[in-house]
Amino acid sequence: MNDLQQKPEDAFEKMSEQLKAQEHCWQKEKQYLEEQYSNMLAEAHARAQEREETVQKTRQKLYGLEQIHKKPAHENNSMTNTLSNAHKAHSSLLAACALLSGALCPLYGRLCAVSCQRDILQEQVKHHKLLNQKIISLLSALPANVGNSQGKGRLGQRRAKHLVYIFRRA
């Protein structure tokens, strides 16, 4: 009977040892899996950190490129505004030139007319001087009374001036 009692106890002990061995294996496997999990988690954190750094660098490059793009865009806008202002100034100058030419054309015509009138008047003055010289020479050629006094001489001069005046009026 002792044998019979011994068998279940042995079986129980054997089973208990197997369970302990199984538990010990599970503990090792659990520890191994936890280490793998920790390693994988650390690796994931390291990758995430690398990606975050890459994202930051990419953002900085993007910001730099945006700034580089803004400068030519600003220069382009400035040049466009300058060109627009120059075009407006050019148009204003053309309009001013057109107005001045419109004002100068009639003045040029008047200048030509006044110049022609000046030439005609100079010609008339020249003829008038020649005529005065001829009148004076004719008056001086007229016989004067030798016996008359100075009063008659003055009268002759007055008469000559009066004739010149009458001639001028005619």
N, C-alpha and C. Protein backbone atom coordinates (compact mmCIF):
# COMPACT_ATOMS: atom_id res chain seq x y z
N MET A 1 0.81 -1.15 0.00
CA MET A 1 0.00 0.00 0.00
C MET A 1 0.88 1.25 0.00
N ASN A 2 1.93 1.00 0.55
CA ASN A 2 2.87 2.07 0.56
C ASN A 2 3.25 2.44 -0.87
N ASP A 3 3.35 1.45 -1.66
CA ASP A 3 3.70 1.68 -3.05
C ASP A 3 2.61 2.48 -3.75
N LEU A 4 1.42 2.13 -3.41
CA LEU A 4 0.31 2.83 -4.05
C LEU A 4 0.29 4.29 -3.61
N GLN A 5 0.59 4.49 -2.40
CA GLN A 5 0.57 5.86 -1.92
C GLN A 5 1.77 6.60 -2.51
N GLN A 6 2.84 5.89 -2.67
CA GLN A 6 4.04 6.49 -3.16
C GLN A 6 3.85 6.91 -4.62
N LYS A 7 3.16 6.17 -5.39
CA LYS A 7 3.00 6.47 -6.81
C LYS A 7 2.26 7.80 -7.01
N PRO A 8 1.16 8.01 -6.33
CA PRO A 8 0.52 9.30 -6.57
C PRO A 8 1.40 10.45 -6.06
N GLU A 9 2.10 10.20 -4.99
CA GLU A 9 2.93 11.28 -4.48
C GLU A 9 4.08 11.52 -5.45
N ASP A 10 4.63 10.46 -5.99
CA ASP A 10 5.69 10.63 -6.97
C ASP A 10 5.15 11.34 -8.22
N ALA A 11 4.01 10.91 -8.59
CA ALA A 11 3.42 11.53 -9.78
C ALA A 11 3.15 13.01 -9.49
N PHE A 12 2.69 13.25 -8.30
CA PHE A 12 2.38 14.62 -7.93
C PHE A 12 3.68 15.43 -7.89
N GLU A 13 4.73 14.85 -7.35
CA GLU A 13 6.01 15.54 -7.28
C GLU A 13 6.57 15.74 -8.69
N LYS A 14 6.43 14.73 -9.50
CA LYS A 14 6.90 14.82 -10.87
C LYS A 14 6.15 15.93 -11.61
N MET A 15 4.89 15.94 -11.38
CA MET A 15 4.04 16.94 -12.03
C MET A 15 4.41 18.32 -11.49
N SER A 16 4.68 18.37 -10.19
CA SER A 16 5.05 19.63 -9.57
C SER A 16 6.38 20.09 -10.14
N GLU A 17 7.32 19.21 -10.34
CA GLU A 17 8.61 19.57 -10.92
C GLU A 17 8.44 20.01 -12.37
N GLN A 18 7.58 19.33 -13.07
CA GLN A 18 7.34 19.70 -14.47
C GLN A 18 6.71 21.10 -14.53
N LEU A 19 5.77 21.32 -13.60
CA LEU A 19 5.13 22.63 -13.59
C LEU A 19 6.15 23.72 -13.23
N LYS A 20 7.03 23.40 -12.28
CA LYS A 20 8.05 24.37 -11.91
C LYS A 20 9.00 24.60 -13.08
N ALA A 21 9.37 23.52 -13.76
CA ALA A 21 10.25 23.65 -14.92
C ALA A 21 9.54 24.48 -16.00
N GLN A 22 8.25 24.18 -16.20
CA GLN A 22 7.46 24.92 -17.20
C GLN A 22 7.39 26.39 -16.80
N GLU A 23 7.16 26.64 -15.52
CA GLU A 23 7.06 28.01 -15.03
C GLU A 23 8.40 28.72 -15.20
N HIS A 24 9.48 28.00 -14.92
CA HIS A 24 10.81 28.57 -15.08
C HIS A 24 11.06 28.91 -16.56
N CYS A 25 10.64 28.05 -17.47
CA CYS A 25 10.76 28.32 -18.92
C CYS A 25 9.94 29.54 -19.30
N TRP A 26 8.73 29.59 -18.76
CA TRP A 26 7.87 30.74 -19.07
C TRP A 26 8.48 32.04 -18.53
N GLN A 27 9.08 31.95 -17.35
CA GLN A 27 9.73 33.13 -16.78
C GLN A 27 10.88 33.59 -17.68
N LYS A 28 11.69 32.64 -18.17
CA LYS A 28 12.80 32.98 -19.06
C LYS A 28 12.26 33.56 -20.37
N GLU A 29 11.21 32.91 -20.89
CA GLU A 29 10.62 33.39 -22.15
C GLU A 29 10.03 34.77 -21.95
N LYS A 30 9.36 34.96 -20.78
CA LYS A 30 8.77 36.27 -20.48
C LYS A 30 9.88 37.31 -20.41
N GLN A 31 10.98 36.98 -19.73
CA GLN A 31 12.09 37.91 -19.60
C GLN A 31 12.69 38.19 -20.98
N TYR A 32 12.84 37.17 -21.80
CA TYR A 32 13.37 37.34 -23.15
C TYR A 32 12.45 38.25 -23.97
N LEU A 33 11.14 37.99 -23.88
CA LEU A 33 10.18 38.80 -24.63
C LEU A 33 10.17 40.24 -24.12
N GLU A 34 10.27 40.42 -22.80
CA GLU A 34 10.31 41.77 -22.26
C GLU A 34 11.56 42.51 -22.73
N GLU A 35 12.70 41.82 -22.78
CA GLU A 35 13.92 42.44 -23.28
C GLU A 35 13.77 42.81 -24.75
N GLN A 36 13.19 41.87 -25.53
CA GLN A 36 12.96 42.17 -26.95
C GLN A 36 12.02 43.36 -27.09
N TYR A 37 10.97 43.37 -26.26
CA TYR A 37 10.02 44.48 -26.31
C TYR A 37 10.72 45.78 -25.95
N SER A 38 11.54 45.76 -24.90
CA SER A 38 12.28 46.96 -24.49
C SER A 38 13.22 47.41 -25.61
N ASN A 39 13.93 46.45 -26.22
CA ASN A 39 14.83 46.79 -27.33
C ASN A 39 14.07 47.37 -28.51
N MET A 40 12.96 46.73 -28.84
CA MET A 40 12.16 47.22 -29.97
C MET A 40 11.57 48.60 -29.66
N LEU A 41 11.13 48.79 -28.40
CA LEU A 41 10.59 50.08 -28.00
C LEU A 41 11.69 51.15 -28.05
N ALA A 42 12.87 50.84 -27.58
CA ALA A 42 14.00 51.77 -27.63
C ALA A 42 14.36 52.09 -29.08
N GLU A 43 14.35 51.05 -29.92
CA GLU A 43 14.64 51.25 -31.34
C GLU A 43 13.58 52.12 -31.99
N ALA A 44 12.31 51.89 -31.63
CA ALA A 44 11.22 52.71 -32.17
C ALA A 44 11.37 54.16 -31.71
N HIS A 45 11.73 54.35 -30.43
CA HIS A 45 11.94 55.72 -29.93
C HIS A 45 13.12 56.37 -30.66
N ALA A 46 14.18 55.61 -30.90
CA ALA A 46 15.34 56.15 -31.61
C ALA A 46 14.95 56.55 -33.04
N ARG A 47 14.18 55.67 -33.70
CA ARG A 47 13.72 55.98 -35.07
C ARG A 47 12.82 57.21 -35.06
N ALA A 48 11.92 57.27 -34.06
CA ALA A 48 11.02 58.42 -33.96
C ALA A 48 11.82 59.70 -33.75
N GLN A 49 12.85 59.63 -32.92
CA GLN A 49 13.71 60.79 -32.68
C GLN A 49 14.43 61.18 -33.97
N GLU A 50 14.94 60.20 -34.70
CA GLU A 50 15.60 60.48 -35.98
C GLU A 50 14.63 61.13 -36.96
N ARG A 51 13.42 60.59 -37.02
CA ARG A 51 12.41 61.14 -37.92
C ARG A 51 12.05 62.57 -37.52
N GLU A 52 11.95 62.79 -36.21
CA GLU A 52 11.64 64.14 -35.72
C GLU A 52 12.75 65.11 -36.11
N GLU A 53 14.00 64.68 -35.96
CA GLU A 53 15.13 65.52 -36.36
C GLU A 53 15.10 65.77 -37.86
N THR A 54 14.79 64.74 -38.63
CA THR A 54 14.70 64.88 -40.08
C THR A 54 13.58 65.86 -40.44
N VAL A 55 12.45 65.73 -39.73
CA VAL A 55 11.32 66.63 -39.99
C VAL A 55 11.73 68.07 -39.66
N GLN A 56 12.43 68.27 -38.54
CA GLN A 56 12.87 69.62 -38.16
C GLN A 56 13.82 70.19 -39.21
N LYS A 57 14.77 69.36 -39.65
CA LYS A 57 15.71 69.82 -40.69
C LYS A 57 14.97 70.16 -41.98
N THR A 58 14.00 69.32 -42.33
CA THR A 58 13.22 69.56 -43.55
C THR A 58 12.41 70.85 -43.41
N ARG A 59 11.84 71.08 -42.22
CA ARG A 59 11.09 72.32 -42.00
C ARG A 59 12.00 73.53 -42.11
N GLN A 60 13.21 73.41 -41.55
CA GLN A 60 14.15 74.52 -41.64
C GLN A 60 14.56 74.78 -43.09
N LYS A 61 14.78 73.72 -43.84
CA LYS A 61 15.12 73.88 -45.26
C LYS A 61 13.96 74.52 -46.00
N LEU A 62 12.75 74.06 -45.69
CA LEU A 62 11.55 74.61 -46.33
C LEU A 62 11.40 76.09 -46.00
N TYR A 63 11.63 76.43 -44.74
CA TYR A 63 11.56 77.83 -44.33
C TYR A 63 12.62 78.65 -45.08
N GLY A 64 13.83 78.09 -45.16
CA GLY A 64 14.90 78.78 -45.90
C GLY A 64 14.53 78.96 -47.37
N LEU A 65 13.97 77.92 -47.97
CA LEU A 65 13.55 78.02 -49.38
C LEU A 65 12.43 79.04 -49.54
N GLU A 66 11.50 79.07 -48.58
CA GLU A 66 10.43 80.06 -48.65
C GLU A 66 11.00 81.47 -48.56
N GLN A 67 11.98 81.65 -47.66
CA GLN A 67 12.60 82.96 -47.54
C GLN A 67 13.35 83.32 -48.82
N ILE A 68 14.04 82.34 -49.38
CA ILE A 68 14.76 82.58 -50.64
C ILE A 68 13.76 82.90 -51.75
N HIS A 69 12.62 82.26 -51.74
CA HIS A 69 11.59 82.51 -52.75
C HIS A 69 10.94 83.88 -52.54
N LYS A 70 10.79 84.28 -51.28
CA LYS A 70 10.15 85.56 -51.00
C LYS A 70 10.98 86.73 -51.52
N LYS A 71 12.31 86.61 -51.41
CA LYS A 71 13.17 87.71 -51.84
C LYS A 71 13.01 88.01 -53.34
N PRO A 72 13.13 87.00 -54.24
CA PRO A 72 12.91 87.31 -55.66
C PRO A 72 11.47 87.74 -55.94
N ALA A 73 10.52 87.17 -55.19
CA ALA A 73 9.13 87.57 -55.40
C ALA A 73 8.96 89.04 -55.02
N HIS A 74 9.59 89.44 -53.91
CA HIS A 74 9.52 90.84 -53.49
C HIS A 74 10.21 91.74 -54.52
N GLU A 75 11.37 91.30 -54.99
CA GLU A 75 12.08 92.07 -56.03
C GLU A 75 11.25 92.16 -57.30
N ASN A 76 10.59 91.07 -57.65
CA ASN A 76 9.74 91.05 -58.83
C ASN A 76 8.60 92.06 -58.67
N ASN A 77 7.96 92.06 -57.49
CA ASN A 77 6.88 93.02 -57.25
C ASN A 77 7.40 94.45 -57.31
N SER A 78 8.57 94.66 -56.73
CA SER A 78 9.17 95.99 -56.75
C SER A 78 9.46 96.44 -58.18
N MET A 79 10.04 95.54 -58.98
CA MET A 79 10.34 95.86 -60.38
C MET A 79 9.05 96.11 -61.17
N THR A 80 8.03 95.31 -60.88
CA THR A 80 6.74 95.50 -61.56
C THR A 80 6.18 96.87 -61.23
N ASN A 81 6.25 97.27 -59.95
CA ASN A 81 5.76 98.58 -59.55
C ASN A 81 6.58 99.69 -60.20
N THR A 82 7.90 99.50 -60.23
CA THR A 82 8.77 100.50 -60.86
C THR A 82 8.46 100.62 -62.35
N LEU A 83 8.27 99.49 -63.00
CA LEU A 83 7.93 99.50 -64.42
C LEU A 83 6.59 100.17 -64.66
N SER A 84 5.63 99.90 -63.79
CA SER A 84 4.32 100.52 -63.91
C SER A 84 4.43 102.03 -63.73
N ASN A 85 5.20 102.46 -62.73
CA ASN A 85 5.39 103.90 -62.51
C ASN A 85 6.10 104.54 -63.69
N ALA A 86 7.10 103.85 -64.23
CA ALA A 86 7.82 104.38 -65.39
C ALA A 86 6.88 104.49 -66.60
N HIS A 87 6.01 103.50 -66.76
CA HIS A 87 5.05 103.54 -67.87
C HIS A 87 4.09 104.72 -67.69
N LYS A 88 3.64 104.94 -66.45
CA LYS A 88 2.75 106.07 -66.19
C LYS A 88 3.47 107.38 -66.47
N ALA A 89 4.73 107.48 -66.03
CA ALA A 89 5.50 108.70 -66.27
C ALA A 89 5.72 108.90 -67.76
N HIS A 90 6.00 107.82 -68.49
CA HIS A 90 6.19 107.89 -69.94
C HIS A 90 4.91 108.38 -70.61
N SER A 91 3.78 107.84 -70.19
CA SER A 91 2.50 108.26 -70.75
C SER A 91 2.24 109.73 -70.45
N SER A 92 2.56 110.15 -69.22
CA SER A 92 2.36 111.56 -68.85
C SER A 92 3.25 112.47 -69.68
N LEU A 93 4.51 112.05 -69.89
CA LEU A 93 5.41 112.86 -70.71
C LEU A 93 4.94 112.94 -72.16
N LEU A 94 4.43 111.83 -72.67
CA LEU A 94 3.91 111.87 -74.04
C LEU A 94 2.72 112.82 -74.14
N ALA A 95 1.84 112.77 -73.13
CA ALA A 95 0.68 113.67 -73.13
C ALA A 95 1.14 115.12 -73.04
N ALA A 96 2.15 115.39 -72.19
CA ALA A 96 2.66 116.76 -72.05
C ALA A 96 3.30 117.23 -73.36
N CYS A 97 4.04 116.34 -74.01
CA CYS A 97 4.64 116.69 -75.31
C CYS A 97 3.58 116.98 -76.36
N ALA A 98 2.52 116.18 -76.34
CA ALA A 98 1.44 116.41 -77.29
C ALA A 98 0.78 117.76 -77.03
N LEU A 99 0.56 118.09 -75.75
CA LEU A 99 -0.04 119.38 -75.42
C LEU A 99 0.88 120.53 -75.83
N LEU A 100 2.18 120.37 -75.55
CA LEU A 100 3.13 121.42 -75.93
C LEU A 100 3.21 121.60 -77.44
N SER A 101 3.22 120.49 -78.16
CA SER A 101 3.27 120.61 -79.62
C SER A 101 1.99 121.24 -80.14
N GLY A 102 0.86 120.92 -79.51
CA GLY A 102 -0.39 121.55 -79.90
C GLY A 102 -0.39 123.04 -79.62
N ALA A 103 0.30 123.44 -78.55
CA ALA A 103 0.37 124.86 -78.22
C ALA A 103 1.43 125.56 -79.07
N LEU A 104 2.51 124.86 -79.42
CA LEU A 104 3.61 125.49 -80.16
C LEU A 104 3.32 125.65 -81.65
N CYS A 105 2.52 124.77 -82.21
CA CYS A 105 2.23 124.88 -83.66
C CYS A 105 1.57 126.21 -84.01
N PRO A 106 0.51 126.62 -83.31
CA PRO A 106 -0.06 127.94 -83.63
C PRO A 106 0.93 129.07 -83.36
N LEU A 107 1.73 128.94 -82.30
CA LEU A 107 2.71 129.98 -82.00
C LEU A 107 3.76 130.07 -83.10
N TYR A 108 4.15 128.93 -83.64
CA TYR A 108 5.11 128.93 -84.74
C TYR A 108 4.50 129.62 -85.97
N GLY A 109 3.23 129.34 -86.22
CA GLY A 109 2.56 130.01 -87.34
C GLY A 109 2.52 131.51 -87.13
N ARG A 110 2.21 131.93 -85.89
CA ARG A 110 2.19 133.37 -85.59
C ARG A 110 3.59 133.97 -85.73
N LEU A 111 4.60 133.23 -85.28
CA LEU A 111 5.98 133.70 -85.39
C LEU A 111 6.35 133.92 -86.86
N CYS A 112 5.97 132.98 -87.70
CA CYS A 112 6.25 133.13 -89.14
C CYS A 112 5.53 134.34 -89.70
N ALA A 113 4.27 134.53 -89.30
CA ALA A 113 3.51 135.69 -89.80
C ALA A 113 4.14 136.99 -89.32
N VAL A 114 4.54 137.05 -88.04
CA VAL A 114 5.17 138.26 -87.50
C VAL A 114 6.51 138.49 -88.19
N SER A 115 7.24 137.44 -88.48
CA SER A 115 8.52 137.58 -89.18
C SER A 115 8.31 138.16 -90.58
N CYS A 116 7.28 137.66 -91.26
CA CYS A 116 6.98 138.21 -92.59
C CYS A 116 6.58 139.68 -92.49
N GLN A 117 5.76 139.99 -91.46
CA GLN A 117 5.36 141.39 -91.28
C GLN A 117 6.58 142.26 -90.96
N ARG A 118 7.52 141.75 -90.16
CA ARG A 118 8.73 142.50 -89.84
C ARG A 118 9.54 142.77 -91.12
N ASP A 119 9.66 141.75 -91.96
CA ASP A 119 10.40 141.93 -93.21
C ASP A 119 9.74 142.99 -94.08
N ILE A 120 8.40 142.93 -94.14
CA ILE A 120 7.66 143.92 -94.95
C ILE A 120 7.86 145.32 -94.38
N LEU A 121 7.78 145.43 -93.02
CA LEU A 121 7.96 146.74 -92.39
C LEU A 121 9.38 147.26 -92.60
N GLN A 122 10.38 146.39 -92.52
CA GLN A 122 11.76 146.82 -92.76
C GLN A 122 11.92 147.33 -94.19
N GLU A 123 11.28 146.63 -95.10
CA GLU A 123 11.32 147.06 -96.51
C GLU A 123 10.66 148.43 -96.66
N GLN A 124 9.52 148.62 -95.97
CA GLN A 124 8.83 149.91 -96.05
C GLN A 124 9.67 151.02 -95.41
N VAL A 125 10.34 150.71 -94.28
CA VAL A 125 11.20 151.71 -93.64
C VAL A 125 12.34 152.09 -94.58
N LYS A 126 12.90 151.11 -95.25
CA LYS A 126 13.99 151.37 -96.20
C LYS A 126 13.50 152.28 -97.33
N HIS A 127 12.31 151.96 -97.87
CA HIS A 127 11.75 152.80 -98.95
C HIS A 127 11.43 154.19 -98.42
N HIS A 128 10.95 154.25 -97.18
CA HIS A 128 10.60 155.54 -96.59
C HIS A 128 11.84 156.42 -96.43
N LYS A 129 12.95 155.83 -95.98
CA LYS A 129 14.19 156.58 -95.83
C LYS A 129 14.68 157.08 -97.19
N LEU A 130 14.61 156.21 -98.20
CA LEU A 130 15.02 156.62 -99.55
C LEU A 130 14.14 157.77 -100.06
N LEU A 131 12.86 157.64 -99.79
CA LEU A 131 11.93 158.68 -100.23
C LEU A 131 12.20 160.00 -99.51
N ASN A 132 12.47 159.90 -98.19
CA ASN A 132 12.79 161.13 -97.43
C ASN A 132 14.05 161.78 -98.00
N GLN A 133 15.04 160.97 -98.32
CA GLN A 133 16.27 161.52 -98.89
C GLN A 133 15.99 162.20 -100.23
N LYS A 134 15.14 161.59 -101.03
CA LYS A 134 14.80 162.19 -102.34
C LYS A 134 14.03 163.49 -102.15
N ILE A 135 13.11 163.49 -101.18
CA ILE A 135 12.33 164.71 -100.94
C ILE A 135 13.25 165.83 -100.47
N ILE A 136 14.17 165.49 -99.55
CA ILE A 136 15.09 166.50 -99.04
C ILE A 136 15.99 167.01 -100.17
N SER A 137 16.44 166.08 -101.01
CA SER A 137 17.30 166.53 -102.12
C SER A 137 16.50 167.38 -103.11
N LEU A 138 15.23 167.04 -103.34
CA LEU A 138 14.40 167.86 -104.24
C LEU A 138 14.14 169.23 -103.63
N LEU A 139 13.86 169.25 -102.34
CA LEU A 139 13.60 170.54 -101.68
C LEU A 139 14.85 171.42 -101.67
N SER A 140 15.97 170.76 -101.46
CA SER A 140 17.20 171.55 -101.45
C SER A 140 17.54 172.04 -102.87
N ALA A 141 17.06 171.32 -103.89
CA ALA A 141 17.34 171.73 -105.27
C ALA A 141 16.40 172.85 -105.73
N LEU A 142 15.31 173.05 -105.06
CA LEU A 142 14.39 174.13 -105.44
C LEU A 142 15.08 175.48 -105.21
N PRO A 143 14.82 176.41 -106.14
CA PRO A 143 15.47 177.70 -105.96
C PRO A 143 14.84 178.44 -104.77
N ALA A 144 15.69 178.94 -103.97
CA ALA A 144 15.22 179.73 -102.83
C ALA A 144 15.48 181.20 -103.15
N ASN A 145 14.62 182.09 -102.69
CA ASN A 145 14.80 183.53 -102.93
C ASN A 145 16.01 184.00 -102.12
N VAL A 146 16.94 184.55 -102.84
CA VAL A 146 18.18 184.96 -102.22
C VAL A 146 17.94 186.21 -101.37
N GLY A 147 17.09 187.07 -101.76
CA GLY A 147 16.86 188.33 -101.06
C GLY A 147 15.99 188.18 -99.84
N ASN A 148 15.39 187.11 -99.63
CA ASN A 148 14.49 186.96 -98.47
C ASN A 148 15.33 186.86 -97.20
N SER A 149 14.70 187.17 -96.12
CA SER A 149 15.39 187.15 -94.83
C SER A 149 15.41 185.73 -94.26
N GLN A 150 15.92 185.66 -93.06
CA GLN A 150 16.02 184.36 -92.41
C GLN A 150 14.65 183.78 -92.15
N GLY A 151 13.69 184.57 -91.95
CA GLY A 151 12.32 184.11 -91.67
C GLY A 151 11.79 183.31 -92.83
N LYS A 152 12.17 183.73 -94.03
CA LYS A 152 11.71 182.97 -95.18
C LYS A 152 12.43 181.63 -95.25
N GLY A 153 13.68 181.61 -94.84
CA GLY A 153 14.45 180.36 -94.82
C GLY A 153 13.82 179.36 -93.85
N ARG A 154 13.41 179.91 -92.71
CA ARG A 154 12.74 179.02 -91.75
C ARG A 154 11.42 178.56 -92.29
N LEU A 155 10.76 179.43 -92.96
CA LEU A 155 9.47 179.06 -93.55
C LEU A 155 9.66 177.97 -94.56
N GLY A 156 10.74 178.02 -95.32
CA GLY A 156 11.04 176.98 -96.30
C GLY A 156 11.32 175.64 -95.62
N GLN A 157 12.03 175.71 -94.50
CA GLN A 157 12.30 174.47 -93.76
C GLN A 157 11.01 173.89 -93.21
N ARG A 158 10.17 174.79 -92.69
CA ARG A 158 8.88 174.31 -92.16
C ARG A 158 8.05 173.72 -93.27
N ARG A 159 8.08 174.39 -94.38
CA ARG A 159 7.30 173.91 -95.52
C ARG A 159 7.79 172.53 -95.95
N ALA A 160 9.13 172.31 -95.95
CA ALA A 160 9.71 171.01 -96.34
C ALA A 160 9.29 169.94 -95.35
N LYS A 161 9.32 170.27 -94.06
CA LYS A 161 8.90 169.29 -93.06
C LYS A 161 7.43 168.98 -93.20
N HIS A 162 6.64 170.06 -93.50
CA HIS A 162 5.20 169.87 -93.67
C HIS A 162 4.92 168.98 -94.87
N LEU A 163 5.68 169.17 -95.95
CA LEU A 163 5.50 168.33 -97.13
C LEU A 163 5.88 166.88 -96.83
N VAL A 164 6.95 166.68 -96.05
CA VAL A 164 7.35 165.32 -95.67
C VAL A 164 6.25 164.69 -94.84
N TYR A 165 5.68 165.49 -93.90
CA TYR A 165 4.60 164.97 -93.06
C TYR A 165 3.40 164.59 -93.90
N ILE A 166 3.04 165.43 -94.86
CA ILE A 166 1.90 165.14 -95.73
C ILE A 166 2.19 163.91 -96.56
N PHE A 167 3.44 163.82 -97.05
CA PHE A 167 3.81 162.65 -97.84
C PHE A 167 3.72 161.37 -97.00
N ARG A 168 4.15 161.47 -95.77
CA ARG A 168 4.09 160.29 -94.90
C ARG A 168 2.65 159.87 -94.67
N ARG A 169 1.78 160.81 -94.49
CA ARG A 169 0.38 160.48 -94.24
C ARG A 169 -0.26 159.83 -95.44
N ALA A 170 0.18 160.21 -96.61
CA ALA A 170 -0.40 159.66 -97.82
C ALA A 170 0.12 158.27 -97.99
